[in-house]
Amino acid sequence: MVLPSFNQGTIHLCDISHNKLSPKAPAPYLAAVSNNQWFMAPDNGFLPLVLQDQEVTFYSLPTFMGIRQVIKDIYIPSLQTLIADNFTPRFAEKENPIKSVLFNPSYQNNFLRLVVVYNDAQGNAIFNLKRDEFERMRNGRRIRISVSSYRLEIDRMSESVFEVEQGYSAAVFGLGDFLQISMNAGSAKQYYGLVEGAVIMLEFID
């Protein structure tokens, strides 16, 4: 799920959890176009986080009370409108979508304190650390990631979660080049309690 692997013209329907900003109003949803790819997702900071290094235009999608299925009730009708208009959107531009605030990792005595900033639909835990920053701080050293309360230890970075056996977890750089812990045939969120706000320690070993 790395964006450069998708061809131009791809349409991404992001079926992720979203809490309403007000109990009396429908939850807001966005469309975004970047690099000739379209994205539809909640206005909860997800798209600005993923597309932060790209030129992007945001649009507000029509919403209404009583939404039951996001894909059926919002994304598909909006997609039909886009196709009918030959992808010249009639939606209103959204100038100030909600932006996620990423706290900088805390670093002391070779330890990085990282926080889960997001869980995707597969239960992967995404942290506030990007690949380039990690490599700069790592400087060729070995690593150890630990979640003490669940006895989880990872001592290497993987290119894919499928490098480990089913039921085991891997540390990878995924969507947006952010560090994530993923479980092969399982949910790191559910199995290890890596929910939004959970803290792990990453140690650099000289």
C-alpha atoms as a PDB file:
ATOM      1  CA  MET A   1       0.000   0.000   0.000  1.00  0.00           C
ATOM      2  CA  VAL A   2       2.744   2.395  -0.944  1.00  0.00           C
ATOM      3  CA  LEU A   3       1.350   5.175  -3.114  1.00  0.00           C
ATOM      4  CA  PRO A   4       4.058   5.142  -5.835  1.00  0.00           C
ATOM      5  CA  SER A   5       3.103   1.545  -6.659  1.00  0.00           C
ATOM      6  CA  PHE A   6      -0.289   2.686  -7.991  1.00  0.00           C
ATOM      7  CA  ASN A   7      -0.716   3.915 -11.569  1.00  0.00           C
ATOM      8  CA  GLN A   8      -2.053   7.325 -12.469  1.00  0.00           C
ATOM      9  CA  GLY A   9      -5.821   7.280 -12.692  1.00  0.00           C
ATOM     10  CA  THR A  10      -6.195   5.092  -9.594  1.00  0.00           C
ATOM     11  CA  ILE A  11      -9.147   5.889  -7.318  1.00  0.00           C
ATOM     12  CA  HIS A  12      -8.635   5.138  -3.613  1.00  0.00           C
ATOM     13  CA  LEU A  13     -11.729   4.610  -1.442  1.00  0.00           C
ATOM     14  CA  CYS A  14     -10.470   4.836   2.141  1.00  0.00           C
ATOM     15  CA  ASP A  15     -12.848   2.873   4.364  1.00  0.00           C
ATOM     16  CA  ILE A  16     -11.522   3.944   7.766  1.00  0.00           C
ATOM     17  CA  SER A  17     -13.202   4.704  11.066  1.00  0.00           C
ATOM     18  CA  HIS A  18     -14.413   8.250  11.621  1.00  0.00           C
ATOM     19  CA  ASN A  19     -16.042   9.971  14.586  1.00  0.00           C
ATOM     20  CA  LYS A  20     -18.485  12.772  13.930  1.00  0.00           C
ATOM     21  CA  LEU A  21     -17.396  16.242  14.953  1.00  0.00           C
ATOM     22  CA  SER A  22     -20.924  16.975  16.180  1.00  0.00           C
ATOM     23  CA  PRO A  23     -23.721  14.572  17.164  1.00  0.00           C
ATOM     24  CA  LYS A  24     -26.217  16.823  15.324  1.00  0.00           C
ATOM     25  CA  ALA A  25     -24.353  16.920  12.009  1.00  0.00           C
ATOM     26  CA  PRO A  26     -23.264  14.306   9.468  1.00  0.00           C
ATOM     27  CA  ALA A  27     -19.597  13.423   9.504  1.00  0.00           C
ATOM     28  CA  PRO A  28     -17.627  15.360   6.836  1.00  0.00           C
ATOM     29  CA  TYR A  29     -15.895  13.483   4.033  1.00  0.00           C
ATOM     30  CA  LEU A  30     -13.369  14.592   1.443  1.00  0.00           C
ATOM     31  CA  ALA A  31     -12.261  13.911  -2.079  1.00  0.00           C
ATOM     32  CA  ALA A  32      -8.699  14.787  -3.003  1.00  0.00           C
ATOM     33  CA  VAL A  33      -6.782  14.716  -6.261  1.00  0.00           C
ATOM     34  CA  SER A  34      -3.011  14.431  -6.391  1.00  0.00           C
ATOM     35  CA  ASN A  35      -0.680  13.140  -9.094  1.00  0.00           C
ATOM     36  CA  ASN A  36      -3.720  12.246 -11.206  1.00  0.00           C
ATOM     37  CA  GLN A  37      -4.960   9.911  -8.483  1.00  0.00           C
ATOM     38  CA  TRP A  38      -8.220  10.396  -6.575  1.00  0.00           C
ATOM     39  CA  PHE A  39      -8.815   9.734  -2.892  1.00  0.00           C
ATOM     40  CA  MET A  40     -12.002   9.649  -0.835  1.00  0.00           C
ATOM     41  CA  ALA A  41     -11.742   9.590   2.957  1.00  0.00           C
ATOM     42  CA  PRO A  42     -13.101  11.174   6.140  1.00  0.00           C
ATOM     43  CA  ASP A  43     -12.058  14.710   6.966  1.00  0.00           C
ATOM     44  CA  ASN A  44     -10.152  13.538  10.054  1.00  0.00           C
ATOM     45  CA  GLY A  45      -6.553  14.349   9.156  1.00  0.00           C
ATOM     46  CA  PHE A  46      -5.844  11.115   7.279  1.00  0.00           C
ATOM     47  CA  LEU A  47      -5.494  12.487   3.728  1.00  0.00           C
ATOM     48  CA  PRO A  48      -3.355  15.536   4.637  1.00  0.00           C
ATOM     49  CA  LEU A  49      -1.102  13.126   6.547  1.00  0.00           C
ATOM     50  CA  VAL A  50      -0.691  10.728   3.625  1.00  0.00           C
ATOM     51  CA  LEU A  51      -0.419  13.414   0.924  1.00  0.00           C
ATOM     52  CA  GLN A  52       1.595  15.982   2.864  1.00  0.00           C
ATOM     53  CA  ASP A  53       4.566  15.944   0.465  1.00  0.00           C
ATOM     54  CA  GLN A  54       2.472  16.275  -2.703  1.00  0.00           C
ATOM     55  CA  GLU A  55       0.465  18.941  -4.474  1.00  0.00           C
ATOM     56  CA  VAL A  56      -3.156  18.220  -3.663  1.00  0.00           C
ATOM     57  CA  THR A  57      -6.603  19.782  -4.018  1.00  0.00           C
ATOM     58  CA  PHE A  58      -9.334  18.865  -1.533  1.00  0.00           C
ATOM     59  CA  TYR A  59     -13.105  18.863  -2.113  1.00  0.00           C
ATOM     60  CA  SER A  60     -16.038  18.406   0.244  1.00  0.00           C
ATOM     61  CA  LEU A  61     -18.232  15.395  -0.535  1.00  0.00           C
ATOM     62  CA  PRO A  62     -22.016  15.617  -0.103  1.00  0.00           C
ATOM     63  CA  THR A  63     -23.100  14.016   3.177  1.00  0.00           C
ATOM     64  CA  PHE A  64     -26.385  13.575   4.985  1.00  0.00           C
ATOM     65  CA  MET A  65     -27.792  12.360   8.273  1.00  0.00           C
ATOM     66  CA  GLY A  66     -28.338   8.653   8.793  1.00  0.00           C
ATOM     67  CA  ILE A  67     -25.314   7.376   6.877  1.00  0.00           C
ATOM     68  CA  ARG A  68     -25.063   3.607   7.340  1.00  0.00           C
ATOM     69  CA  GLN A  69     -22.474   2.471   4.803  1.00  0.00           C
ATOM     70  CA  VAL A  70     -19.852   5.018   3.819  1.00  0.00           C
ATOM     71  CA  ILE A  71     -18.863   3.351   0.550  1.00  0.00           C
ATOM     72  CA  LYS A  72     -22.450   2.795  -0.563  1.00  0.00           C
ATOM     73  CA  ASP A  73     -23.967   6.042   0.718  1.00  0.00           C
ATOM     74  CA  ILE A  74     -21.136   8.535   0.068  1.00  0.00           C
ATOM     75  CA  TYR A  75     -18.234   7.223  -1.998  1.00  0.00           C
ATOM     76  CA  ILE A  76     -20.105   5.457  -4.803  1.00  0.00           C
ATOM     77  CA  PRO A  77     -22.590   8.310  -5.471  1.00  0.00           C
ATOM     78  CA  SER A  78     -19.699  10.798  -5.436  1.00  0.00           C
ATOM     79  CA  LEU A  79     -17.687   8.581  -7.752  1.00  0.00           C
ATOM     80  CA  GLN A  80     -20.641   8.306 -10.134  1.00  0.00           C
ATOM     81  CA  THR A  81     -20.841  12.104 -10.189  1.00  0.00           C
ATOM     82  CA  LEU A  82     -17.123  12.388 -10.975  1.00  0.00           C
ATOM     83  CA  ILE A  83     -17.363   9.857 -13.800  1.00  0.00           C
ATOM     84  CA  ALA A  84     -20.442  11.559 -15.263  1.00  0.00           C
ATOM     85  CA  ASP A  85     -18.564  14.894 -15.225  1.00  0.00           C
ATOM     86  CA  ASN A  86     -15.419  13.333 -16.742  1.00  0.00           C
ATOM     87  CA  PHE A  87     -13.568  13.946 -13.453  1.00  0.00           C
ATOM     88  CA  THR A  88     -14.152  17.685 -13.541  1.00  0.00           C
ATOM     89  CA  PRO A  89     -15.452  18.007  -9.987  1.00  0.00           C
ATOM     90  CA  ARG A  90     -18.557  20.011  -9.222  1.00  0.00           C
ATOM     91  CA  PHE A  91     -17.853  19.632  -5.484  1.00  0.00           C
ATOM     92  CA  ALA A  92     -16.900  22.681  -3.430  1.00  0.00           C
ATOM     93  CA  GLU A  93     -13.199  23.054  -2.716  1.00  0.00           C
ATOM     94  CA  LYS A  94     -12.145  22.493   0.884  1.00  0.00           C
ATOM     95  CA  GLU A  95      -9.469  25.014   1.805  1.00  0.00           C
ATOM     96  CA  ASN A  96      -8.776  23.909   5.366  1.00  0.00           C
ATOM     97  CA  PRO A  97      -9.145  20.154   5.857  1.00  0.00           C
ATOM     98  CA  ILE A  98      -8.392  18.847   9.323  1.00  0.00           C
ATOM     99  CA  LYS A  99      -4.682  18.148   9.715  1.00  0.00           C
ATOM    100  CA  SER A 100      -3.159  15.539  11.962  1.00  0.00           C
ATOM    101  CA  VAL A 101      -0.657  16.837  14.476  1.00  0.00           C
ATOM    102  CA  LEU A 102       2.358  14.544  14.754  1.00  0.00           C
ATOM    103  CA  PHE A 103       4.342  14.869  17.928  1.00  0.00           C
ATOM    104  CA  ASN A 104       8.076  14.539  17.495  1.00  0.00           C
ATOM    105  CA  PRO A 105       9.542  11.309  18.899  1.00  0.00           C
ATOM    106  CA  SER A 106      11.231  11.682  22.271  1.00  0.00           C
ATOM    107  CA  TYR A 107      14.896  10.599  22.130  1.00  0.00           C
ATOM    108  CA  GLN A 108      17.128   9.952  25.140  1.00  0.00           C
ATOM    109  CA  ASN A 109      20.038   7.577  25.861  1.00  0.00           C
ATOM    110  CA  ASN A 110      19.629   5.663  22.559  1.00  0.00           C
ATOM    111  CA  PHE A 111      15.893   5.171  23.153  1.00  0.00           C
ATOM    112  CA  LEU A 112      13.102   6.574  20.981  1.00  0.00           C
ATOM    113  CA  ARG A 113       9.670   6.888  22.568  1.00  0.00           C
ATOM    114  CA  LEU A 114       7.118   6.469  19.774  1.00  0.00           C
ATOM    115  CA  VAL A 115       3.337   6.920  19.795  1.00  0.00           C
ATOM    116  CA  VAL A 116       0.668   5.211  17.692  1.00  0.00           C
ATOM    117  CA  VAL A 117      -0.937   7.995  15.661  1.00  0.00           C
ATOM    118  CA  TYR A 118      -3.305   5.892  13.576  1.00  0.00           C
ATOM    119  CA  ASN A 119      -4.750   2.372  13.121  1.00  0.00           C
ATOM    120  CA  ASP A 120      -5.813   1.280   9.660  1.00  0.00           C
ATOM    121  CA  ALA A 121      -8.602  -1.157   8.796  1.00  0.00           C
ATOM    122  CA  GLN A 122      -6.237  -4.149   9.086  1.00  0.00           C
ATOM    123  CA  GLY A 123      -5.235  -3.232  12.624  1.00  0.00           C
ATOM    124  CA  ASN A 124      -1.740  -2.063  11.702  1.00  0.00           C
ATOM    125  CA  ALA A 125      -0.256   0.480  14.122  1.00  0.00           C
ATOM    126  CA  ILE A 126       1.312   3.551  12.463  1.00  0.00           C
ATOM    127  CA  PHE A 127       3.813   5.623  14.476  1.00  0.00           C
ATOM    128  CA  ASN A 128       5.129   9.191  14.428  1.00  0.00           C
ATOM    129  CA  LEU A 129       8.426   8.310  12.732  1.00  0.00           C
ATOM    130  CA  LYS A 130       9.301   8.534   9.035  1.00  0.00           C
ATOM    131  CA  ARG A 131      11.905   6.471   7.249  1.00  0.00           C
ATOM    132  CA  ASP A 132      14.377   9.293   6.533  1.00  0.00           C
ATOM    133  CA  GLU A 133      14.400  10.434  10.167  1.00  0.00           C
ATOM    134  CA  PHE A 134      14.799   6.854  11.349  1.00  0.00           C
ATOM    135  CA  GLU A 135      17.770   6.203   9.061  1.00  0.00           C
ATOM    136  CA  ARG A 136      19.425   9.454  10.117  1.00  0.00           C
ATOM    137  CA  MET A 137      19.124   8.585  13.810  1.00  0.00           C
ATOM    138  CA  ARG A 138      19.955   4.929  13.336  1.00  0.00           C
ATOM    139  CA  ASN A 139      23.281   5.615  11.619  1.00  0.00           C
ATOM    140  CA  GLY A 140      23.821   1.937  10.798  1.00  0.00           C
ATOM    141  CA  ARG A 141      23.116   0.628  14.292  1.00  0.00           C
ATOM    142  CA  ARG A 142      21.033  -2.412  15.214  1.00  0.00           C
ATOM    143  CA  ILE A 143      17.564  -1.849  16.642  1.00  0.00           C
ATOM    144  CA  ARG A 144      15.201  -3.376  19.158  1.00  0.00           C
ATOM    145  CA  ILE A 145      11.503  -2.483  19.362  1.00  0.00           C
ATOM    146  CA  SER A 146       9.724  -3.547  22.519  1.00  0.00           C
ATOM    147  CA  VAL A 147       6.191  -3.503  23.866  1.00  0.00           C
ATOM    148  CA  SER A 148       6.882  -4.656  27.413  1.00  0.00           C
ATOM    149  CA  SER A 149       3.300  -5.236  28.506  1.00  0.00           C
ATOM    150  CA  TYR A 150       2.798  -7.799  25.727  1.00  0.00           C
ATOM    151  CA  ARG A 151       6.346  -9.214  25.532  1.00  0.00           C
ATOM    152  CA  LEU A 152       6.675  -8.111  21.925  1.00  0.00           C
ATOM    153  CA  GLU A 153      10.235  -7.627  20.663  1.00  0.00           C
ATOM    154  CA  ILE A 154      11.299  -6.901  17.090  1.00  0.00           C
ATOM    155  CA  ASP A 155      14.995  -6.696  16.269  1.00  0.00           C
ATOM    156  CA  ARG A 156      15.001  -5.827  12.570  1.00  0.00           C
ATOM    157  CA  MET A 157      13.189  -3.825   9.931  1.00  0.00           C
ATOM    158  CA  SER A 158      11.327  -5.763   7.241  1.00  0.00           C
ATOM    159  CA  GLU A 159      10.335  -4.809   3.720  1.00  0.00           C
ATOM    160  CA  SER A 160       6.990  -6.565   4.123  1.00  0.00           C
ATOM    161  CA  VAL A 161       4.928  -8.171   6.875  1.00  0.00           C
ATOM    162  CA  PHE A 162       5.030 -11.369   4.818  1.00  0.00           C
ATOM    163  CA  GLU A 163       8.700 -11.802   5.729  1.00  0.00           C
ATOM    164  CA  VAL A 164       7.502 -13.182   9.073  1.00  0.00           C
ATOM    165  CA  GLU A 165       5.357 -16.245   9.701  1.00  0.00           C
ATOM    166  CA  GLN A 166       1.631 -16.031  10.325  1.00  0.00           C
ATOM    167  CA  GLY A 167       0.855 -14.883  13.832  1.00  0.00           C
ATOM    168  CA  TYR A 168       4.101 -12.885  14.102  1.00  0.00           C
ATOM    169  CA  SER A 169       4.652  -9.144  13.768  1.00  0.00           C
ATOM    170  CA  ALA A 170       7.059  -7.073  11.699  1.00  0.00           C
ATOM    171  CA  ALA A 171       8.243  -3.469  11.707  1.00  0.00           C
ATOM    172  CA  VAL A 172       7.944  -1.951   8.231  1.00  0.00           C
ATOM    173  CA  PHE A 173       7.738   1.440   6.571  1.00  0.00           C
ATOM    174  CA  GLY A 174       4.325   1.559   4.952  1.00  0.00           C
ATOM    175  CA  LEU A 175       1.850   4.124   3.702  1.00  0.00           C
ATOM    176  CA  GLY A 176       3.347   7.601   3.710  1.00  0.00           C
ATOM    177  CA  ASP A 177       6.756   6.124   4.647  1.00  0.00           C
ATOM    178  CA  PHE A 178       5.760   5.982   8.323  1.00  0.00           C
ATOM    179  CA  LEU A 179       6.942   3.242  10.666  1.00  0.00           C
ATOM    180  CA  GLN A 180       4.267   0.694  11.372  1.00  0.00           C
ATOM    181  CA  ILE A 181       3.960  -2.587  13.239  1.00  0.00           C
ATOM    182  CA  SER A 182       1.956  -5.108  11.266  1.00  0.00           C
ATOM    183  CA  MET A 183       0.896  -8.633  12.151  1.00  0.00           C
ATOM    184  CA  ASN A 184       0.853 -11.353   9.509  1.00  0.00           C
ATOM    185  CA  ALA A 185      -2.697 -12.758   9.495  1.00  0.00           C
ATOM    186  CA  GLY A 186      -3.678 -10.732  12.542  1.00  0.00           C
ATOM    187  CA  SER A 187      -4.237  -7.324  14.072  1.00  0.00           C
ATOM    188  CA  ALA A 188      -1.416  -5.603  15.979  1.00  0.00           C
ATOM    189  CA  LYS A 189      -4.034  -3.236  17.362  1.00  0.00           C
ATOM    190  CA  GLN A 190      -6.120  -6.029  18.828  1.00  0.00           C
ATOM    191  CA  TYR A 191      -3.444  -8.560  19.775  1.00  0.00           C
ATOM    192  CA  TYR A 192      -0.858  -6.190  21.256  1.00  0.00           C
ATOM    193  CA  GLY A 193      -3.090  -3.331  22.333  1.00  0.00           C
ATOM    194  CA  LEU A 194      -1.383  -0.955  19.891  1.00  0.00           C
ATOM    195  CA  VAL A 195      -4.297   1.466  19.726  1.00  0.00           C
ATOM    196  CA  GLU A 196      -4.029   5.178  18.981  1.00  0.00           C
ATOM    197  CA  GLY A 197      -1.973   6.815  21.728  1.00  0.00           C
ATOM    198  CA  ALA A 198      -0.145   3.635  22.771  1.00  0.00           C
ATOM    199  CA  VAL A 199       3.595   4.015  23.386  1.00  0.00           C
ATOM    200  CA  ILE A 200       6.476   1.760  22.361  1.00  0.00           C
ATOM    201  CA  MET A 201      10.241   2.020  22.808  1.00  0.00           C
ATOM    202  CA  LEU A 202      12.724   1.746  19.945  1.00  0.00           C
ATOM    203  CA  GLU A 203      16.308   1.208  21.066  1.00  0.00           C
ATOM    204  CA  PHE A 204      19.419   1.842  18.963  1.00  0.00           C
ATOM    205  CA  ILE A 205      22.116  -0.671  19.906  1.00  0.00           C
ATOM    206  CA  ASP A 206      25.753   0.389  19.420  1.00  0.00           C
END
